[in-house]
Amino acid sequence: MKILIAEKESHLSSELAPICSAEGLEIFSCNEDQEFVFMTRQLSPFAIVIESGFVDDNQKLLDGLRSVVSFKDIPVLFICSNTEEMKSILDLS
């Protein structure tokens, strides 16, 4: 199974890669929003992990995912570094 990690830097994916590989999961990382859309289409990942600071507009990012029928059922996990970020992500649901 493939997991796509969207992050500004590669810290998260480098930390998760060994753990996920041991469980038979493939980790793919992207650092730009245009790359994210392309990789999501190419990979059809099992799950997506997004660092909360990856883009300025998380709502636009989620709306873009929801607009593609085949992406609607992909679980999306946001990684937040503080309470303020967590509240802004919760407001999206």
PDB file of N, CA and C in Angstrom:
ATOM      1  N   MET A   1       0.837  -1.184   0.000  1.00  0.00           N
ATOM      2  CA  MET A   1       0.000   0.000   0.000  1.00  0.00           C
ATOM      3  C   MET A   1       0.879   1.243   0.000  1.00  0.00           C
ATOM      4  N   LYS A   2       0.394   2.261  -0.655  1.00  0.00           N
ATOM      5  CA  LYS A   2       1.150   3.510  -0.797  1.00  0.00           C
ATOM      6  C   LYS A   2       0.575   4.590   0.110  1.00  0.00           C
ATOM      7  N   ILE A   3       1.473   5.328   0.736  1.00  0.00           N
ATOM      8  CA  ILE A   3       1.090   6.474   1.551  1.00  0.00           C
ATOM      9  C   ILE A   3       1.816   7.693   1.001  1.00  0.00           C
ATOM     10  N   LEU A   4       1.068   8.747   0.728  1.00  0.00           N
ATOM     11  CA  LEU A   4       1.644   9.990   0.228  1.00  0.00           C
ATOM     12  C   LEU A   4       1.741  10.981   1.377  1.00  0.00           C
ATOM     13  N   ILE A   5       2.939  11.519   1.584  1.00  0.00           N
ATOM     14  CA  ILE A   5       3.163  12.515   2.633  1.00  0.00           C
ATOM     15  C   ILE A   5       3.449  13.857   1.965  1.00  0.00           C
ATOM     16  N   ALA A   6       2.623  14.848   2.291  1.00  0.00           N
ATOM     17  CA  ALA A   6       2.792  16.207   1.763  1.00  0.00           C
ATOM     18  C   ALA A   6       3.376  17.069   2.868  1.00  0.00           C
ATOM     19  N   GLU A   7       4.583  17.554   2.651  1.00  0.00           N
ATOM     20  CA  GLU A   7       5.286  18.311   3.687  1.00  0.00           C
ATOM     21  C   GLU A   7       6.210  19.334   3.045  1.00  0.00           C
ATOM     22  N   LYS A   8       6.520  20.384   3.799  1.00  0.00           N
ATOM     23  CA  LYS A   8       7.426  21.419   3.284  1.00  0.00           C
ATOM     24  C   LYS A   8       8.852  20.913   3.197  1.00  0.00           C
ATOM     25  N   GLU A   9       9.264  20.161   4.186  1.00  0.00           N
ATOM     26  CA  GLU A   9      10.599  19.569   4.205  1.00  0.00           C
ATOM     27  C   GLU A   9      10.426  18.064   4.371  1.00  0.00           C
ATOM     28  N   SER A  10      11.481  17.309   4.261  1.00  0.00           N
ATOM     29  CA  SER A  10      11.369  15.847   4.265  1.00  0.00           C
ATOM     30  C   SER A  10      11.562  15.207   5.640  1.00  0.00           C
ATOM     31  N   HIS A  11      11.359  15.957   6.694  1.00  0.00           N
ATOM     32  CA  HIS A  11      11.585  15.410   8.031  1.00  0.00           C
ATOM     33  C   HIS A  11      10.593  14.303   8.381  1.00  0.00           C
ATOM     34  N   LEU A  12       9.336  14.553   8.132  1.00  0.00           N
ATOM     35  CA  LEU A  12       8.300  13.592   8.498  1.00  0.00           C
ATOM     36  C   LEU A  12       8.460  12.286   7.726  1.00  0.00           C
ATOM     37  N   SER A  13       8.629  12.380   6.421  1.00  0.00           N
ATOM     38  CA  SER A  13       8.751  11.163   5.613  1.00  0.00           C
ATOM     39  C   SER A  13      10.011  10.374   5.958  1.00  0.00           C
ATOM     40  N   SER A  14      11.091  11.063   6.270  1.00  0.00           N
ATOM     41  CA  SER A  14      12.315  10.344   6.623  1.00  0.00           C
ATOM     42  C   SER A  14      12.174   9.616   7.963  1.00  0.00           C
ATOM     43  N   GLU A  15      11.356  10.173   8.859  1.00  0.00           N
ATOM     44  CA  GLU A  15      11.118   9.514  10.143  1.00  0.00           C
ATOM     45  C   GLU A  15      10.159   8.327   9.989  1.00  0.00           C
ATOM     46  N   LEU A  16       9.149   8.472   9.144  1.00  0.00           N
ATOM     47  CA  LEU A  16       8.138   7.431   8.991  1.00  0.00           C
ATOM     48  C   LEU A  16       8.554   6.301   8.049  1.00  0.00           C
ATOM     49  N   ALA A  17       9.429   6.573   7.109  1.00  0.00           N
ATOM     50  CA  ALA A  17       9.797   5.583   6.090  1.00  0.00           C
ATOM     51  C   ALA A  17      10.265   4.250   6.659  1.00  0.00           C
ATOM     52  N   PRO A  18      11.207   4.231   7.605  1.00  0.00           N
ATOM     53  CA  PRO A  18      11.658   2.926   8.107  1.00  0.00           C
ATOM     54  C   PRO A  18      10.552   2.141   8.826  1.00  0.00           C
ATOM     55  N   ILE A  19       9.714   2.849   9.557  1.00  0.00           N
ATOM     56  CA  ILE A  19       8.629   2.201  10.290  1.00  0.00           C
ATOM     57  C   ILE A  19       7.610   1.613   9.313  1.00  0.00           C
ATOM     58  N   CYS A  20       7.231   2.421   8.337  1.00  0.00           N
ATOM     59  CA  CYS A  20       6.232   1.980   7.363  1.00  0.00           C
ATOM     60  C   CYS A  20       6.766   0.860   6.473  1.00  0.00           C
ATOM     61  N   SER A  21       8.007   0.964   6.072  1.00  0.00           N
ATOM     62  CA  SER A  21       8.617  -0.084   5.240  1.00  0.00           C
ATOM     63  C   SER A  21       8.607  -1.427   5.960  1.00  0.00           C
ATOM     64  N   ALA A  22       8.856  -1.407   7.248  1.00  0.00           N
ATOM     65  CA  ALA A  22       8.844  -2.639   8.034  1.00  0.00           C
ATOM     66  C   ALA A  22       7.454  -3.280   8.050  1.00  0.00           C
ATOM     67  N   GLU A  23       6.426  -2.464   7.833  1.00  0.00           N
ATOM     68  CA  GLU A  23       5.049  -2.957   7.798  1.00  0.00           C
ATOM     69  C   GLU A  23       4.557  -3.217   6.376  1.00  0.00           C
ATOM     70  N   GLY A  24       5.462  -3.079   5.400  1.00  0.00           N
ATOM     71  CA  GLY A  24       5.096  -3.339   4.010  1.00  0.00           C
ATOM     72  C   GLY A  24       4.434  -2.185   3.298  1.00  0.00           C
ATOM     73  N   LEU A  25       4.540  -0.982   3.840  1.00  0.00           N
ATOM     74  CA  LEU A  25       3.961   0.215   3.227  1.00  0.00           C
ATOM     75  C   LEU A  25       5.021   0.980   2.455  1.00  0.00           C
ATOM     76  N   GLU A  26       4.626   1.574   1.349  1.00  0.00           N
ATOM     77  CA  GLU A  26       5.535   2.413   0.561  1.00  0.00           C
ATOM     78  C   GLU A  26       5.241   3.877   0.871  1.00  0.00           C
ATOM     79  N   ILE A  27       6.287   4.642   1.151  1.00  0.00           N
ATOM     80  CA  ILE A  27       6.145   6.064   1.446  1.00  0.00           C
ATOM     81  C   ILE A  27       6.604   6.881   0.247  1.00  0.00           C
ATOM     82  N   PHE A  28       5.776   7.837  -0.135  1.00  0.00           N
ATOM     83  CA  PHE A  28       6.117   8.795  -1.178  1.00  0.00           C
ATOM     84  C   PHE A  28       5.951  10.181  -0.582  1.00  0.00           C
ATOM     85  N   SER A  29       6.861  11.076  -0.922  1.00  0.00           N
ATOM     86  CA  SER A  29       6.843  12.417  -0.344  1.00  0.00           C
ATOM     87  C   SER A  29       6.793  13.463  -1.442  1.00  0.00           C
ATOM     88  N   CYS A  30       6.066  14.542  -1.180  1.00  0.00           N
ATOM     89  CA  CYS A  30       6.080  15.688  -2.094  1.00  0.00           C
ATOM     90  C   CYS A  30       6.205  16.961  -1.269  1.00  0.00           C
ATOM     91  N   ASN A  31       6.811  17.967  -1.879  1.00  0.00           N
ATOM     92  CA  ASN A  31       7.096  19.213  -1.168  1.00  0.00           C
ATOM     93  C   ASN A  31       6.426  20.440  -1.782  1.00  0.00           C
ATOM     94  N   GLU A  32       5.668  20.264  -2.852  1.00  0.00           N
ATOM     95  CA  GLU A  32       4.997  21.391  -3.512  1.00  0.00           C
ATOM     96  C   GLU A  32       3.557  21.011  -3.825  1.00  0.00           C
ATOM     97  N   ASP A  33       2.646  21.993  -3.768  1.00  0.00           N
ATOM     98  CA  ASP A  33       1.242  21.675  -3.977  1.00  0.00           C
ATOM     99  C   ASP A  33       0.949  21.154  -5.379  1.00  0.00           C
ATOM    100  N   GLN A  34       1.617  21.667  -6.417  1.00  0.00           N
ATOM    101  CA  GLN A  34       1.414  21.155  -7.774  1.00  0.00           C
ATOM    102  C   GLN A  34       1.881  19.708  -7.884  1.00  0.00           C
ATOM    103  N   GLU A  35       2.976  19.407  -7.236  1.00  0.00           N
ATOM    104  CA  GLU A  35       3.498  18.045  -7.208  1.00  0.00           C
ATOM    105  C   GLU A  35       2.521  17.122  -6.473  1.00  0.00           C
ATOM    106  N   PHE A  36       1.888  17.641  -5.441  1.00  0.00           N
ATOM    107  CA  PHE A  36       0.926  16.875  -4.645  1.00  0.00           C
ATOM    108  C   PHE A  36      -0.235  16.384  -5.506  1.00  0.00           C
ATOM    109  N   VAL A  37      -0.809  17.269  -6.287  1.00  0.00           N
ATOM    110  CA  VAL A  37      -1.940  16.903  -7.153  1.00  0.00           C
ATOM    111  C   VAL A  37      -1.497  15.840  -8.153  1.00  0.00           C
ATOM    112  N   PHE A  38      -0.354  16.050  -8.785  1.00  0.00           N
ATOM    113  CA  PHE A  38       0.167  15.100  -9.763  1.00  0.00           C
ATOM    114  C   PHE A  38       0.407  13.733  -9.122  1.00  0.00           C
ATOM    115  N   MET A  39       1.082  13.716  -7.969  1.00  0.00           N
ATOM    116  CA  MET A  39       1.414  12.448  -7.322  1.00  0.00           C
ATOM    117  C   MET A  39       0.169  11.725  -6.814  1.00  0.00           C
ATOM    118  N   THR A  40      -0.821  12.472  -6.351  1.00  0.00           N
ATOM    119  CA  THR A  40      -2.056  11.837  -5.906  1.00  0.00           C
ATOM    120  C   THR A  40      -2.728  11.131  -7.067  1.00  0.00           C
ATOM    121  N   ARG A  41      -2.756  11.785  -8.206  1.00  0.00           N
ATOM    122  CA  ARG A  41      -3.352  11.171  -9.407  1.00  0.00           C
ATOM    123  C   ARG A  41      -2.553   9.951  -9.860  1.00  0.00           C
ATOM    124  N   GLN A  42      -1.236  10.042  -9.853  1.00  0.00           N
ATOM    125  CA  GLN A  42      -0.376   8.954 -10.325  1.00  0.00           C
ATOM    126  C   GLN A  42      -0.376   7.750  -9.389  1.00  0.00           C
ATOM    127  N   LEU A  43      -0.346   8.005  -8.083  1.00  0.00           N
ATOM    128  CA  LEU A  43      -0.166   6.928  -7.110  1.00  0.00           C
ATOM    129  C   LEU A  43      -1.463   6.271  -6.644  1.00  0.00           C
ATOM    130  N   SER A  44      -2.556   7.026  -6.629  1.00  0.00           N
ATOM    131  CA  SER A  44      -3.793   6.564  -5.980  1.00  0.00           C
ATOM    132  C   SER A  44      -3.457   5.941  -4.626  1.00  0.00           C
ATOM    133  N   PRO A  45      -2.948   6.767  -3.701  1.00  0.00           N
ATOM    134  CA  PRO A  45      -2.470   6.235  -2.425  1.00  0.00           C
ATOM    135  C   PRO A  45      -3.586   5.678  -1.547  1.00  0.00           C
ATOM    136  N   PHE A  46      -3.191   4.780  -0.654  1.00  0.00           N
ATOM    137  CA  PHE A  46      -4.102   4.225   0.334  1.00  0.00           C
ATOM    138  C   PHE A  46      -4.500   5.301   1.341  1.00  0.00           C
ATOM    139  N   ALA A  47      -3.538   6.179   1.689  1.00  0.00           N
ATOM    140  CA  ALA A  47      -3.780   7.259   2.647  1.00  0.00           C
ATOM    141  C   ALA A  47      -2.864   8.432   2.317  1.00  0.00           C
ATOM    142  N   ILE A  48      -3.263   9.608   2.804  1.00  0.00           N
ATOM    143  CA  ILE A  48      -2.481  10.830   2.612  1.00  0.00           C
ATOM    144  C   ILE A  48      -2.226  11.451   3.979  1.00  0.00           C
ATOM    145  N   VAL A  49      -0.980  11.837   4.211  1.00  0.00           N
ATOM    146  CA  VAL A  49      -0.601  12.548   5.430  1.00  0.00           C
ATOM    147  C   VAL A  49      -0.148  13.937   5.005  1.00  0.00           C
ATOM    148  N   ILE A  50      -0.745  14.975   5.600  1.00  0.00           N
ATOM    149  CA  ILE A  50      -0.418  16.357   5.223  1.00  0.00           C
ATOM    150  C   ILE A  50       0.075  17.113   6.449  1.00  0.00           C
ATOM    151  N   GLU A  51       1.258  17.658   6.336  1.00  0.00           N
ATOM    152  CA  GLU A  51       1.773  18.547   7.373  1.00  0.00           C
ATOM    153  C   GLU A  51       0.948  19.825   7.316  1.00  0.00           C
ATOM    154  N   SER A  52       0.443  20.292   8.447  1.00  0.00           N
ATOM    155  CA  SER A  52      -0.511  21.405   8.443  1.00  0.00           C
ATOM    156  C   SER A  52       0.017  22.665   7.766  1.00  0.00           C
ATOM    157  N   GLY A  53       1.301  22.908   7.754  1.00  0.00           N
ATOM    158  CA  GLY A  53       1.852  24.086   7.102  1.00  0.00           C
ATOM    159  C   GLY A  53       2.228  23.879   5.645  1.00  0.00           C
ATOM    160  N   PHE A  54       1.816  22.738   5.062  1.00  0.00           N
ATOM    161  CA  PHE A  54       2.195  22.411   3.681  1.00  0.00           C
ATOM    162  C   PHE A  54       1.708  23.461   2.688  1.00  0.00           C
ATOM    163  N   VAL A  55       0.482  23.903   2.840  1.00  0.00           N
ATOM    164  CA  VAL A  55      -0.071  24.949   1.974  1.00  0.00           C
ATOM    165  C   VAL A  55      -0.713  26.025   2.846  1.00  0.00           C
ATOM    166  N   ASP A  56      -0.927  27.187   2.256  1.00  0.00           N
ATOM    167  CA  ASP A  56      -1.566  28.276   2.994  1.00  0.00           C
ATOM    168  C   ASP A  56      -3.062  28.052   3.170  1.00  0.00           C
ATOM    169  N   ASP A  57      -3.689  27.359   2.215  1.00  0.00           N
ATOM    170  CA  ASP A  57      -5.134  27.187   2.241  1.00  0.00           C
ATOM    171  C   ASP A  57      -5.480  25.697   2.259  1.00  0.00           C
ATOM    172  N   ASN A  58      -5.591  25.128   3.460  1.00  0.00           N
ATOM    173  CA  ASN A  58      -5.916  23.704   3.594  1.00  0.00           C
ATOM    174  C   ASN A  58      -7.300  23.389   3.043  1.00  0.00           C
ATOM    175  N   GLN A  59      -8.245  24.325   3.168  1.00  0.00           N
ATOM    176  CA  GLN A  59      -9.597  24.092   2.650  1.00  0.00           C
ATOM    177  C   GLN A  59      -9.558  23.900   1.145  1.00  0.00           C
ATOM    178  N   LYS A  60      -8.805  24.717   0.445  1.00  0.00           N
ATOM    179  CA  LYS A  60      -8.688  24.597  -1.011  1.00  0.00           C
ATOM    180  C   LYS A  60      -8.066  23.254  -1.390  1.00  0.00           C
ATOM    181  N   LEU A  61      -7.088  22.829  -0.632  1.00  0.00           N
ATOM    182  CA  LEU A  61      -6.434  21.547  -0.875  1.00  0.00           C
ATOM    183  C   LEU A  61      -7.431  20.400  -0.721  1.00  0.00           C
ATOM    184  N   LEU A  62      -8.203  20.415   0.375  1.00  0.00           N
ATOM    185  CA  LEU A  62      -9.202  19.371   0.593  1.00  0.00           C
ATOM    186  C   LEU A  62     -10.319  19.413  -0.449  1.00  0.00           C
ATOM    187  N   ASP A  63     -10.764  20.591  -0.817  1.00  0.00           N
ATOM    188  CA  ASP A  63     -11.797  20.715  -1.839  1.00  0.00           C
ATOM    189  C   ASP A  63     -11.313  20.137  -3.163  1.00  0.00           C
ATOM    190  N   GLY A  64     -10.037  20.361  -3.470  1.00  0.00           N
ATOM    191  CA  GLY A  64      -9.459  19.798  -4.685  1.00  0.00           C
ATOM    192  C   GLY A  64      -9.472  18.281  -4.659  1.00  0.00           C
ATOM    193  N   LEU A  65      -9.155  17.700  -3.509  1.00  0.00           N
ATOM    194  CA  LEU A  65      -9.196  16.242  -3.379  1.00  0.00           C
ATOM    195  C   LEU A  65     -10.626  15.720  -3.509  1.00  0.00           C
ATOM    196  N   ARG A  66     -11.548  16.394  -2.865  1.00  0.00           N
ATOM    197  CA  ARG A  66     -12.948  15.951  -2.885  1.00  0.00           C
ATOM    198  C   ARG A  66     -13.582  16.077  -4.269  1.00  0.00           C
ATOM    199  N   SER A  67     -13.053  16.956  -5.095  1.00  0.00           N
ATOM    200  CA  SER A  67     -13.641  17.179  -6.416  1.00  0.00           C
ATOM    201  C   SER A  67     -13.357  16.023  -7.376  1.00  0.00           C
ATOM    202  N   VAL A  68     -12.383  15.191  -7.070  1.00  0.00           N
ATOM    203  CA  VAL A  68     -12.063  14.045  -7.919  1.00  0.00           C
ATOM    204  C   VAL A  68     -12.712  12.813  -7.284  1.00  0.00           C
ATOM    205  N   VAL A  69     -13.648  12.223  -7.990  1.00  0.00           N
ATOM    206  CA  VAL A  69     -14.458  11.132  -7.440  1.00  0.00           C
ATOM    207  C   VAL A  69     -13.589  10.009  -6.862  1.00  0.00           C
ATOM    208  N   SER A  70     -12.522   9.635  -7.553  1.00  0.00           N
ATOM    209  CA  SER A  70     -11.705   8.511  -7.091  1.00  0.00           C
ATOM    210  C   SER A  70     -10.899   8.834  -5.836  1.00  0.00           C
ATOM    211  N   PHE A  71     -10.813  10.117  -5.450  1.00  0.00           N
ATOM    212  CA  PHE A  71     -10.061  10.507  -4.255  1.00  0.00           C
ATOM    213  C   PHE A  71     -10.940  10.639  -3.013  1.00  0.00           C
ATOM    214  N   LYS A  72     -12.254  10.610  -3.171  1.00  0.00           N
ATOM    215  CA  LYS A  72     -13.159  10.906  -2.064  1.00  0.00           C
ATOM    216  C   LYS A  72     -13.012   9.969  -0.874  1.00  0.00           C
ATOM    217  N   ASP A  73     -12.607   8.737  -1.108  1.00  0.00           N
ATOM    218  CA  ASP A  73     -12.527   7.757  -0.027  1.00  0.00           C
ATOM    219  C   ASP A  73     -11.124   7.579   0.532  1.00  0.00           C
ATOM    220  N   ILE A  74     -10.177   8.392   0.106  1.00  0.00           N
ATOM    221  CA  ILE A  74      -8.814   8.301   0.624  1.00  0.00           C
ATOM    222  C   ILE A  74      -8.762   9.005   1.975  1.00  0.00           C
ATOM    223  N   PRO A  75      -8.346   8.288   3.036  1.00  0.00           N
ATOM    224  CA  PRO A  75      -8.219   8.953   4.342  1.00  0.00           C
ATOM    225  C   PRO A  75      -7.104  10.003   4.317  1.00  0.00           C
ATOM    226  N   VAL A  76      -7.372  11.144   4.923  1.00  0.00           N
ATOM    227  CA  VAL A  76      -6.392  12.235   5.000  1.00  0.00           C
ATOM    228  C   VAL A  76      -6.118  12.519   6.467  1.00  0.00           C
ATOM    229  N   LEU A  77      -4.838  12.477   6.832  1.00  0.00           N
ATOM    230  CA  LEU A  77      -4.413  12.751   8.201  1.00  0.00           C
ATOM    231  C   LEU A  77      -3.577  14.022   8.197  1.00  0.00           C
ATOM    232  N   PHE A  78      -3.991  15.012   8.985  1.00  0.00           N
ATOM    233  CA  PHE A  78      -3.211  16.239   9.127  1.00  0.00           C
ATOM    234  C   PHE A  78      -2.326  16.134  10.357  1.00  0.00           C
ATOM    235  N   ILE A  79      -1.066  16.495  10.216  1.00  0.00           N
ATOM    236  CA  ILE A  79      -0.127  16.541  11.327  1.00  0.00           C
ATOM    237  C   ILE A  79       0.000  18.007  11.747  1.00  0.00           C
ATOM    238  N   CYS A  80      -0.360  18.299  12.993  1.00  0.00           N
ATOM    239  CA  CYS A  80      -0.338  19.669  13.509  1.00  0.00           C
ATOM    240  C   CYS A  80       0.742  19.802  14.574  1.00  0.00           C
ATOM    241  N   SER A  81       1.366  20.972  14.606  1.00  0.00           N
ATOM    242  CA  SER A  81       2.433  21.181  15.586  1.00  0.00           C
ATOM    243  C   SER A  81       1.980  21.969  16.810  1.00  0.00           C
ATOM    244  N   ASN A  82       0.781  22.542  16.750  1.00  0.00           N
ATOM    245  CA  ASN A  82       0.295  23.276  17.920  1.00  0.00           C
ATOM    246  C   ASN A  82      -1.237  23.316  17.929  1.00  0.00           C
ATOM    247  N   THR A  83      -1.797  23.791  19.007  1.00  0.00           N
ATOM    248  CA  THR A  83      -3.247  23.807  19.196  1.00  0.00           C
ATOM    249  C   THR A  83      -3.949  24.704  18.187  1.00  0.00           C
ATOM    250  N   GLU A  84      -3.351  25.824  17.848  1.00  0.00           N
ATOM    251  CA  GLU A  84      -3.965  26.743  16.883  1.00  0.00           C
ATOM    252  C   GLU A  84      -4.132  26.065  15.521  1.00  0.00           C
ATOM    253  N   GLU A  85      -3.095  25.362  15.068  1.00  0.00           N
ATOM    254  CA  GLU A  85      -3.187  24.639  13.798  1.00  0.00           C
ATOM    255  C   GLU A  85      -4.260  23.560  13.878  1.00  0.00           C
ATOM    256  N   MET A  86      -4.315  22.863  15.000  1.00  0.00           N
ATOM    257  CA  MET A  86      -5.299  21.804  15.168  1.00  0.00           C
ATOM    258  C   MET A  86      -6.714  22.364  15.064  1.00  0.00           C
ATOM    259  N   LYS A  87      -6.974  23.496  15.687  1.00  0.00           N
ATOM    260  CA  LYS A  87      -8.307  24.105  15.629  1.00  0.00           C
ATOM    261  C   LYS A  87      -8.665  24.498  14.207  1.00  0.00           C
ATOM    262  N   SER A  88      -7.713  25.035  13.452  1.00  0.00           N
ATOM    263  CA  SER A  88      -8.014  25.439  12.072  1.00  0.00           C
ATOM    264  C   SER A  88      -8.310  24.221  11.195  1.00  0.00           C
ATOM    265  N   ILE A  89      -7.641  23.110  11.462  1.00  0.00           N
ATOM    266  CA  ILE A  89      -7.919  21.872  10.712  1.00  0.00           C
ATOM    267  C   ILE A  89      -9.296  21.322  11.095  1.00  0.00           C
ATOM    268  N   LEU A  90      -9.632  21.339  12.362  1.00  0.00           N
ATOM    269  CA  LEU A  90     -10.943  20.847  12.797  1.00  0.00           C
ATOM    270  C   LEU A  90     -12.071  21.665  12.218  1.00  0.00           C
ATOM    271  N   ASP A  91     -11.838  22.937  11.975  1.00  0.00           N
ATOM    272  CA  ASP A  91     -12.854  23.798  11.369  1.00  0.00           C
ATOM    273  C   ASP A  91     -13.158  23.408   9.925  1.00  0.00           C
ATOM    274  N   LEU A  92     -12.281  22.641   9.297  1.00  0.00           N
ATOM    275  CA  LEU A  92     -12.490  22.235   7.907  1.00  0.00           C
ATOM    276  C   LEU A  92     -13.537  21.147   7.757  1.00  0.00           C
ATOM    277  N   SER A  93     -13.759  20.378   8.819  1.00  0.00           N
ATOM    278  CA  SER A  93     -14.660  19.219   8.697  1.00  0.00           C
ATOM    279  C   SER A  93     -16.110  19.588   8.772  1.00  0.00           C
TER     280      SER A  93
END
